Protein backbone atom coordinates (compact mmCIF):
# COMPACT_ATOMS: atom_id res chain seq x y z
CA MET A 1 68.17 75.42 0.46
CA ASN A 2 65.95 73.01 1.88
CA LYS A 3 62.40 73.68 4.01
CA GLY A 4 63.05 72.02 7.03
CA THR A 5 60.27 69.68 7.58
CA LYS A 6 61.98 66.51 7.25
CA ARG A 7 63.62 65.57 10.92
CA ALA A 8 66.73 63.43 9.44
CA ASP A 9 67.86 66.59 7.42
CA ILE A 10 68.50 68.24 10.45
CA LYS A 11 71.99 67.70 12.23
CA GLN A 12 72.84 69.04 15.46
CA GLY A 13 75.48 71.95 14.31
CA ALA A 14 74.18 72.99 11.16
CA SER A 15 73.23 76.36 10.04
CA VAL A 16 69.70 77.09 10.16
CA ALA A 17 66.98 79.70 9.61
CA ILE A 18 63.70 79.57 11.95
CA VAL A 19 61.13 81.40 12.60
CA LEU A 20 60.25 82.20 16.19
CA LYS A 21 56.90 81.79 18.21
CA GLN A 22 56.46 85.69 18.27
CA ASP A 23 57.84 86.01 14.26
CA GLN A 24 54.83 83.44 13.14
CA ALA A 25 52.93 86.31 11.90
CA SER A 26 55.49 88.35 10.64
CA GLY A 27 57.69 85.49 8.84
CA CYS A 28 60.78 87.08 10.32
CA LEU A 29 63.70 84.60 10.27
CA THR A 30 66.56 83.87 13.08
CA ASP A 31 69.88 82.41 11.52
CA GLY A 32 71.89 80.25 14.19
CA ILE A 33 73.72 76.58 14.56
CA VAL A 34 71.35 73.57 15.88
CA ARG A 35 72.01 72.75 19.57
CA ASP A 36 68.84 70.74 20.28
CA ILE A 37 65.90 69.05 17.80
CA LEU A 38 63.02 69.15 20.05
CA THR A 39 60.24 67.63 17.43
CA LYS A 40 60.75 63.90 17.81
CA SER A 41 58.69 62.99 14.99
CA PRO A 42 60.21 62.51 11.04
CA THR A 43 58.73 65.04 9.57
CA HIS A 44 56.30 68.41 11.16
CA PRO A 45 54.15 70.62 8.38
CA HIS A 46 55.15 73.90 10.17
CA GLY A 47 58.97 73.05 10.17
CA ILE A 48 60.97 70.45 12.80
CA LYS A 49 61.63 72.58 15.89
CA VAL A 50 64.79 73.32 17.40
CA ARG A 51 67.00 75.16 20.04
CA LEU A 52 69.75 77.13 18.56
CA MET A 53 73.21 77.80 20.49
CA SER A 54 71.91 81.23 21.25
CA GLY A 55 68.96 79.23 23.36
CA GLU A 56 66.35 80.93 20.99
CA VAL A 57 63.62 77.98 20.17
CA GLY A 58 61.61 77.80 16.46
CA ARG A 59 60.45 75.72 13.61
CA VAL A 60 62.82 75.25 10.86
CA LYS A 61 62.44 77.34 7.34
CA GLU A 62 65.56 76.81 5.84
CA ILE A 63 69.12 74.99 6.09
CA TYR A 64 72.21 76.17 4.63
């Protein structure tokens, strides 16, 4: 498993766990498939922001 802080590690269609904005305090993770990569910079200390196929948006915490 890989922390999702590097944009190059994340591809469309990848299976990931993200933390949603409303779950940042609890750290609750949401699993899904990447539809869009929203972060433009090559790295981000809190995780690359993505949109899942379900439409949910959050920062990647794990890549499966």
